[in-house]
C-alpha atoms as a PDB file:
ATOM      1  CA  MET A   1     120.647 118.202  69.315  1.00  0.00           C
ATOM      2  CA  SER A   2     120.989 115.022  70.881  1.00  0.00           C
ATOM      3  CA  ASP A   3     117.944 113.106  72.746  1.00  0.00           C
ATOM      4  CA  LEU A   4     117.541 114.090  76.630  1.00  0.00           C
ATOM      5  CA  ARG A   5     118.553 111.142  78.612  1.00  0.00           C
ATOM      6  CA  ILE A   6     115.968 110.503  81.324  1.00  0.00           C
ATOM      7  CA  ALA A   7     116.217 107.873  84.161  1.00  0.00           C
ATOM      8  CA  LEU A   8     113.133 106.677  86.006  1.00  0.00           C
ATOM      9  CA  VAL A   9     112.802 105.041  89.327  1.00  0.00           C
ATOM     10  CA  ALA A  10     109.071 103.939  89.641  1.00  0.00           C
ATOM     11  CA  GLU A  11     106.848 101.544  91.340  1.00  0.00           C
ATOM     12  CA  GLY A  12     106.239  99.444  88.369  1.00  0.00           C
ATOM     13  CA  PRO A  13     105.973  99.007  84.558  1.00  0.00           C
ATOM     14  CA  THR A  14     102.393 100.560  84.307  1.00  0.00           C
ATOM     15  CA  ASP A  15     103.747 103.865  85.761  1.00  0.00           C
ATOM     16  CA  TYR A  16     106.418 103.745  83.354  1.00  0.00           C
ATOM     17  CA  GLU A  17     103.707 103.742  80.312  1.00  0.00           C
ATOM     18  CA  VAL A  18     101.852 106.833  82.083  1.00  0.00           C
ATOM     19  CA  ILE A  19     104.888 108.898  83.199  1.00  0.00           C
ATOM     20  CA  GLN A  20     106.575 108.253  79.520  1.00  0.00           C
ATOM     21  CA  ALA A  21     103.370 109.630  77.815  1.00  0.00           C
ATOM     22  CA  SER A  22     103.284 112.520  80.162  1.00  0.00           C
ATOM     23  CA  LEU A  23     106.968 113.484  79.167  1.00  0.00           C
ATOM     24  CA  LYS A  24     105.950 113.405  75.473  1.00  0.00           C
ATOM     25  CA  ALA A  25     103.379 115.807  76.201  1.00  0.00           C
ATOM     26  CA  ILE A  26     105.488 117.891  78.124  1.00  0.00           C
ATOM     27  CA  LEU A  27     108.817 118.050  76.480  1.00  0.00           C
ATOM     28  CA  PRO A  28     109.375 119.650  73.094  1.00  0.00           C
ATOM     29  CA  GLN A  29     112.502 117.680  72.404  1.00  0.00           C
ATOM     30  CA  PRO A  30     112.816 113.870  71.981  1.00  0.00           C
ATOM     31  CA  PHE A  31     114.172 111.653  74.852  1.00  0.00           C
ATOM     32  CA  VAL A  32     115.050 108.427  75.890  1.00  0.00           C
ATOM     33  CA  LEU A  33     113.625 107.049  79.148  1.00  0.00           C
ATOM     34  CA  THR A  34     115.439 104.503  81.003  1.00  0.00           C
ATOM     35  CA  GLN A  35     113.714 102.614  83.945  1.00  0.00           C
ATOM     36  CA  LEU A  36     116.407 102.073  86.799  1.00  0.00           C
ATOM     37  CA  GLN A  37     113.448 100.488  88.988  1.00  0.00           C
ATOM     38  CA  PRO A  38     111.932  98.026  88.871  1.00  0.00           C
ATOM     39  CA  GLU A  39     114.854  96.481  87.146  1.00  0.00           C
ATOM     40  CA  ALA A  40     114.986  92.838  86.040  1.00  0.00           C
ATOM     41  CA  THR A  41     118.779  92.422  86.813  1.00  0.00           C
ATOM     42  CA  GLN A  42     118.128  93.485  90.383  1.00  0.00           C
ATOM     43  CA  PRO A  43     115.168  91.423  91.696  1.00  0.00           C
ATOM     44  CA  GLN A  44     116.246  91.878  95.293  1.00  0.00           C
ATOM     45  CA  MET A  45     114.765  95.333  95.077  1.00  0.00           C
ATOM     46  CA  GLY A  46     111.315  94.204  94.508  1.00  0.00           C
ATOM     47  CA  ALA A  47     108.617  96.298  93.125  1.00  0.00           C
ATOM     48  CA  GLY A  48     105.788  98.717  94.298  1.00  0.00           C
ATOM     49  CA  TRP A  49     106.804 101.434  96.599  1.00  0.00           C
ATOM     50  CA  GLY A  50     108.941  99.231  98.800  1.00  0.00           C
ATOM     51  CA  GLY A  51     111.399  98.976  95.575  1.00  0.00           C
ATOM     52  CA  VAL A  52     111.488 102.705  95.237  1.00  0.00           C
ATOM     53  CA  LEU A  53     112.478 102.692  98.999  1.00  0.00           C
ATOM     54  CA  LYS A  54     115.249 100.244  98.570  1.00  0.00           C
ATOM     55  CA  TRP A  55     116.564 102.016  95.468  1.00  0.00           C
ATOM     56  CA  CYS A  56     116.555 105.285  97.349  1.00  0.00           C
ATOM     57  CA  ASP A  57     118.394 103.705 100.305  1.00  0.00           C
ATOM     58  CA  ALA A  58     120.938 101.890  98.176  1.00  0.00           C
ATOM     59  CA  ALA A  59     121.585 105.330  96.717  1.00  0.00           C
ATOM     60  CA  SER A  60     122.404 106.741  99.997  1.00  0.00           C
ATOM     61  CA  GLN A  61     124.770 103.919 100.856  1.00  0.00           C
ATOM     62  CA  ARG A  62     126.881 104.430  97.826  1.00  0.00           C
ATOM     63  CA  HIS A  63     126.669 108.335  97.406  1.00  0.00           C
ATOM     64  CA  THR A  64     126.900 111.359  99.677  1.00  0.00           C
ATOM     65  CA  GLY A  65     125.560 114.684  98.271  1.00  0.00           C
ATOM     66  CA  SER A  66     123.597 115.827  95.206  1.00  0.00           C
ATOM     67  CA  LEU A  67     122.361 112.962  93.100  1.00  0.00           C
ATOM     68  CA  ASP A  68     123.392 115.261  90.147  1.00  0.00           C
ATOM     69  CA  THR A  69     126.967 114.091  90.992  1.00  0.00           C
ATOM     70  CA  ASP A  70     126.319 110.400  91.631  1.00  0.00           C
ATOM     71  CA  PRO A  71     128.715 108.374  89.324  1.00  0.00           C
ATOM     72  CA  LEU A  72     125.740 106.075  88.323  1.00  0.00           C
ATOM     73  CA  LEU A  73     123.799 108.840  87.160  1.00  0.00           C
ATOM     74  CA  GLY A  74     126.547 110.791  85.401  1.00  0.00           C
ATOM     75  CA  ASP A  75     125.008 110.722  82.206  1.00  0.00           C
ATOM     76  CA  VAL A  76     121.504 111.419  82.983  1.00  0.00           C
ATOM     77  CA  ASP A  77     119.766 114.612  82.087  1.00  0.00           C
ATOM     78  CA  LEU A  78     116.906 114.117  84.358  1.00  0.00           C
ATOM     79  CA  LEU A  79     116.076 111.735  87.295  1.00  0.00           C
ATOM     80  CA  ILE A  80     112.331 111.098  87.928  1.00  0.00           C
ATOM     81  CA  ILE A  81     111.457 109.402  91.032  1.00  0.00           C
ATOM     82  CA  HIS A  82     107.727 108.316  91.319  1.00  0.00           C
ATOM     83  CA  LEU A  83     105.562 107.355  94.259  1.00  0.00           C
ATOM     84  CA  ASP A  84     101.855 107.325  94.058  1.00  0.00           C
ATOM     85  CA  VAL A  85     100.108 109.248  96.820  1.00  0.00           C
ATOM     86  CA  ASP A  86      98.167 106.458  98.018  1.00  0.00           C
ATOM     87  CA  VAL A  87     101.604 105.416  99.646  1.00  0.00           C
ATOM     88  CA  ALA A  88     100.917 108.170 102.117  1.00  0.00           C
ATOM     89  CA  GLY A  89      98.735 105.742 103.733  1.00  0.00           C
ATOM     90  CA  SER A  90     101.008 102.800 103.800  1.00  0.00           C
ATOM     91  CA  ARG A  91     103.146 101.660 106.877  1.00  0.00           C
ATOM     92  CA  TYR A  92     106.691 100.436 106.735  1.00  0.00           C
ATOM     93  CA  ASP A  93     105.858  96.738 108.138  1.00  0.00           C
ATOM     94  CA  GLN A  94     104.104  96.052 105.160  1.00  0.00           C
ATOM     95  CA  CYS A  95     107.731  95.752 103.551  1.00  0.00           C
ATOM     96  CA  GLY A  96     108.698  93.296 106.326  1.00  0.00           C
ATOM     97  CA  PRO A  97     110.310  93.347 109.684  1.00  0.00           C
ATOM     98  CA  THR A  98     113.558  94.245 108.280  1.00  0.00           C
ATOM     99  CA  VAL A  99     112.402  97.387 106.311  1.00  0.00           C
ATOM    100  CA  GLU A 100     110.425  98.489 109.666  1.00  0.00           C
ATOM    101  CA  ALA A 101     113.535  98.098 111.732  1.00  0.00           C
ATOM    102  CA  MET A 102     115.568 100.170 109.056  1.00  0.00           C
ATOM    103  CA  ALA A 103     113.101 102.905 109.222  1.00  0.00           C
ATOM    104  CA  VAL A 104     113.714 103.327 113.115  1.00  0.00           C
ATOM    105  CA  SER A 105     117.329 102.760 112.709  1.00  0.00           C
ATOM    106  CA  LYS A 106     118.031 105.447 110.013  1.00  0.00           C
ATOM    107  CA  GLY A 107     115.384 107.737 111.280  1.00  0.00           C
ATOM    108  CA  TRP A 108     113.336 107.839 108.036  1.00  0.00           C
ATOM    109  CA  ALA A 109     110.163 110.099 108.260  1.00  0.00           C
ATOM    110  CA  ALA A 110     106.772 108.695 109.193  1.00  0.00           C
ATOM    111  CA  LEU A 111     104.549 106.338 107.443  1.00  0.00           C
ATOM    112  CA  PRO A 112     101.664 106.537 107.332  1.00  0.00           C
ATOM    113  CA  CYS A 113     101.557 110.205 106.665  1.00  0.00           C
ATOM    114  CA  ALA A 114      98.217 110.531 104.942  1.00  0.00           C
ATOM    115  CA  ARG A 115      95.997 113.562 105.716  1.00  0.00           C
ATOM    116  CA  PRO A 116      92.109 114.066 104.939  1.00  0.00           C
ATOM    117  CA  CYS A 117      91.812 114.773 101.300  1.00  0.00           C
ATOM    118  CA  PRO A 118      90.931 117.435  99.805  1.00  0.00           C
ATOM    119  CA  PRO A 119      93.281 119.052  99.823  1.00  0.00           C
ATOM    120  CA  VAL A 120      95.495 116.582  98.220  1.00  0.00           C
ATOM    121  CA  ASP A 121      98.679 118.725  99.104  1.00  0.00           C
ATOM    122  CA  ASP A 122      98.342 117.782 102.886  1.00  0.00           C
ATOM    123  CA  SER A 123      99.528 114.420 102.006  1.00  0.00           C
ATOM    124  CA  VAL A 124     101.688 115.224  99.209  1.00  0.00           C
ATOM    125  CA  VAL A 125     103.973 117.410 101.312  1.00  0.00           C
ATOM    126  CA  PRO A 126     104.853 114.813 103.944  1.00  0.00           C
ATOM    127  CA  LEU A 127     104.919 112.185 101.423  1.00  0.00           C
ATOM    128  CA  LYS A 128     107.694 114.299  99.726  1.00  0.00           C
ATOM    129  CA  THR A 129     109.537 114.479 103.218  1.00  0.00           C
ATOM    130  CA  THR A 130     109.365 110.897 103.682  1.00  0.00           C
ATOM    131  CA  LEU A 131     110.703 110.014 100.354  1.00  0.00           C
ATOM    132  CA  LYS A 132     113.834 112.341 100.687  1.00  0.00           C
ATOM    133  CA  SER A 133     114.305 110.883 103.902  1.00  0.00           C
ATOM    134  CA  TRP A 134     114.900 107.495 102.260  1.00  0.00           C
ATOM    135  CA  LEU A 135     117.756 109.030 100.258  1.00  0.00           C
ATOM    136  CA  GLY A 136     119.650 109.780 103.458  1.00  0.00           C
ATOM    137  CA  ALA A 137     123.150 111.276 102.719  1.00  0.00           C
ATOM    138  CA  ALA A 138     122.258 111.126  98.984  1.00  0.00           C
ATOM    139  CA  GLN A 139     120.017 114.384  97.875  1.00  0.00           C
ATOM    140  CA  ALA A 140     117.704 115.359  95.450  1.00  0.00           C
ATOM    141  CA  GLY A 141     119.541 117.476  92.834  1.00  0.00           C
ATOM    142  CA  GLN A 142     118.502 120.202  90.468  1.00  0.00           C
ATOM    143  CA  LYS A 143     118.184 117.326  87.775  1.00  0.00           C
ATOM    144  CA  THR A 144     115.839 115.303  90.139  1.00  0.00           C
ATOM    145  CA  VAL A 145     112.170 115.331  89.914  1.00  0.00           C
ATOM    146  CA  LEU A 146     109.631 113.788  92.133  1.00  0.00           C
ATOM    147  CA  CYS A 147     106.423 112.433  90.363  1.00  0.00           C
ATOM    148  CA  LEU A 148     103.605 112.014  92.974  1.00  0.00           C
ATOM    149  CA  PRO A 149     100.338 111.179  91.180  1.00  0.00           C
ATOM    150  CA  ALA A 150      97.283 111.408  93.357  1.00  0.00           C
ATOM    151  CA  GLN A 151      96.128 108.838  94.203  1.00  0.00           C
ATOM    152  CA  SER A 152      97.888 106.873  91.538  1.00  0.00           C
ATOM    153  CA  THR A 153      99.055 107.217  87.936  1.00  0.00           C
ATOM    154  CA  GLY A 154      95.729 105.573  87.057  1.00  0.00           C
ATOM    155  CA  THR A 155      94.264 108.914  87.907  1.00  0.00           C
ATOM    156  CA  TRP A 156      96.073 110.705  84.850  1.00  0.00           C
ATOM    157  CA  LEU A 157      94.961 107.819  82.669  1.00  0.00           C
ATOM    158  CA  ALA A 158      91.375 107.979  83.806  1.00  0.00           C
ATOM    159  CA  ALA A 159      91.285 111.911  83.149  1.00  0.00           C
ATOM    160  CA  ALA A 160      92.822 111.398  79.826  1.00  0.00           C
ATOM    161  CA  THR A 161      90.348 108.588  78.705  1.00  0.00           C
ATOM    162  CA  LEU A 162      86.948 109.237  80.217  1.00  0.00           C
ATOM    163  CA  PRO A 163      84.398 111.747  79.151  1.00  0.00           C
ATOM    164  CA  PRO A 164      84.154 115.079  80.984  1.00  0.00           C
ATOM    165  CA  GLY A 165      81.497 114.652  83.868  1.00  0.00           C
ATOM    166  CA  HIS A 166      82.075 110.821  83.923  1.00  0.00           C
ATOM    167  CA  SER A 167      81.131 109.706  87.834  1.00  0.00           C
ATOM    168  CA  LEU A 168      84.653 108.381  88.389  1.00  0.00           C
ATOM    169  CA  LEU A 169      86.407 111.532  87.871  1.00  0.00           C
ATOM    170  CA  ALA A 170      84.617 113.408  90.648  1.00  0.00           C
ATOM    171  CA  GLY A 171      86.979 113.821  93.507  1.00  0.00           C
ATOM    172  CA  ALA A 172      89.456 111.700  91.457  1.00  0.00           C
ATOM    173  CA  GLN A 173      92.788 112.869  93.273  1.00  0.00           C
ATOM    174  CA  CYS A 174      91.268 111.890  96.531  1.00  0.00           C
ATOM    175  CA  ASN A 175      89.946 108.488  95.607  1.00  0.00           C
ATOM    176  CA  PRO A 176      92.226 105.591  96.201  1.00  0.00           C
ATOM    177  CA  ASP A 177      90.171 103.195  94.484  1.00  0.00           C
ATOM    178  CA  LEU A 178      90.004 104.791  91.064  1.00  0.00           C
ATOM    179  CA  GLU A 179      92.648 102.798  89.513  1.00  0.00           C
ATOM    180  CA  ALA A 180      90.843  99.658  90.499  1.00  0.00           C
ATOM    181  CA  ARG A 181      87.437 100.871  89.483  1.00  0.00           C
ATOM    182  CA  LEU A 182      88.746 102.012  85.941  1.00  0.00           C
ATOM    183  CA  GLY A 183      89.366  98.302  85.476  1.00  0.00           C
ATOM    184  CA  GLN A 184      85.870  97.227  86.368  1.00  0.00           C
ATOM    185  CA  LEU A 185      84.064  99.649  83.806  1.00  0.00           C
ATOM    186  CA  ALA A 186      82.042  98.469  81.092  1.00  0.00           C
ATOM    187  CA  LYS A 187      84.046  97.090  78.100  1.00  0.00           C
ATOM    188  CA  SER A 188      84.128 100.481  76.055  1.00  0.00           C
ATOM    189  CA  GLN A 189      85.702 102.368  78.901  1.00  0.00           C
ATOM    190  CA  LYS A 190      87.514  99.572  80.945  1.00  0.00           C
ATOM    191  CA  ILE A 191      91.322  99.783  81.426  1.00  0.00           C
ATOM    192  CA  LYS A 192      92.782  97.063  83.518  1.00  0.00           C
ATOM    193  CA  LYS A 193      96.046  97.591  85.483  1.00  0.00           C
ATOM    194  CA  THR A 194      98.446  95.728  83.017  1.00  0.00           C
ATOM    195  CA  VAL A 195     101.250  96.946  80.791  1.00  0.00           C
ATOM    196  CA  ARG A 196      99.144  95.920  77.798  1.00  0.00           C
ATOM    197  CA  ASP A 197      96.360  98.089  78.401  1.00  0.00           C
ATOM    198  CA  TYR A 198      98.157 101.042  79.805  1.00  0.00           C
ATOM    199  CA  ARG A 199     100.549 100.951  76.745  1.00  0.00           C
ATOM    200  CA  ALA A 200      97.373 100.859  74.460  1.00  0.00           C
ATOM    201  CA  PHE A 201      95.851 103.915  75.977  1.00  0.00           C
ATOM    202  CA  ALA A 202      98.939 105.880  76.781  1.00  0.00           C
ATOM    203  CA  SER A 203      98.723 108.104  73.722  1.00  0.00           C
ATOM    204  CA  GLN A 204      95.409 109.555  75.152  1.00  0.00           C
ATOM    205  CA  VAL A 205      97.433 111.022  77.941  1.00  0.00           C
ATOM    206  CA  VAL A 206      99.762 112.761  75.231  1.00  0.00           C
ATOM    207  CA  ASP A 207      96.603 113.911  73.397  1.00  0.00           C
ATOM    208  CA  ASN A 208      94.521 115.043  76.410  1.00  0.00           C
ATOM    209  CA  TRP A 209      97.223 116.366  78.487  1.00  0.00           C
ATOM    210  CA  ALA A 210      95.559 119.571  79.316  1.00  0.00           C
ATOM    211  CA  ALA A 211      92.252 117.652  80.454  1.00  0.00           C
ATOM    212  CA  VAL A 212      94.714 115.558  82.665  1.00  0.00           C
ATOM    213  CA  LYS A 213      96.288 118.941  84.249  1.00  0.00           C
ATOM    214  CA  ALA A 214      92.869 120.320  84.712  1.00  0.00           C
ATOM    215  CA  LEU A 215      91.690 117.724  86.686  1.00  0.00           C
ATOM    216  CA  CYS A 216      94.904 116.529  88.318  1.00  0.00           C
ATOM    217  CA  SER A 217      96.984 119.211  90.322  1.00  0.00           C
ATOM    218  CA  GLN A 218      99.849 116.794  90.813  1.00  0.00           C
ATOM    219  CA  ALA A 219     100.173 116.503  86.827  1.00  0.00           C
ATOM    220  CA  HIS A 220     100.639 120.166  86.583  1.00  0.00           C
ATOM    221  CA  ALA A 221     103.019 120.246  89.439  1.00  0.00           C
ATOM    222  CA  PHE A 222     105.127 117.428  87.514  1.00  0.00           C
ATOM    223  CA  GLU A 223     105.107 119.498  84.390  1.00  0.00           C
ATOM    224  CA  GLN A 224     106.369 122.551  85.820  1.00  0.00           C
ATOM    225  CA  ALA A 225     108.934 120.535  87.891  1.00  0.00           C
ATOM    226  CA  VAL A 226     110.253 118.973  84.686  1.00  0.00           C
ATOM    227  CA  LEU A 227     110.422 122.151  82.934  1.00  0.00           C
ATOM    228  CA  ALA A 228     112.314 123.671  85.537  1.00  0.00           C
ATOM    229  CA  ALA A 229     114.998 121.096  85.669  1.00  0.00           C
ATOM    230  CA  ILE A 230     115.957 120.810  81.946  1.00  0.00           C
END
């Protein structure tokens, strides 16, 4: 059996580390994960959620219909599009006046779209709608999985590495500051938002995936979506 070919559109390289570890915990078979966004050869896309937005808009300009039939993604078994749920509190003008104007002219769904948390799903649902609107004429296919960690992939890393009952895990999915605070803990527990630190601790996401799912409903939703798509 050949390795699964998985493509990832994500906000940044630290997200790649956590999502790759999550996939190792979820999938029974080996896979190759290729990051389409951010991509060094396309610096015009930028990084962060604005880079994901621009990738989706570019997809809408080159392809109509299901992304399953996009020639650029023809050899991909699974496409993952990632946005942290804290993006629901963002505004289009944070990406500049050009993106703000595009949001109006293209009829993209609203930002901000955050709702009081808990429950986190009240922000997840409208954020999915917004993300899908960026795809325009292109549409998420059966092989497309949306990965929406709440409030960020740092929450999943915290759930995997911190001991049960740690104060930072209380209301974790509703805490937009958790990722930053994880980097401010005492040396024995501190994880800075760097590729080096996230990669060093990623194996704990694999080992403690059950604990991540128990604390983070969005991790459980991601697992279900991945298994349904392969």
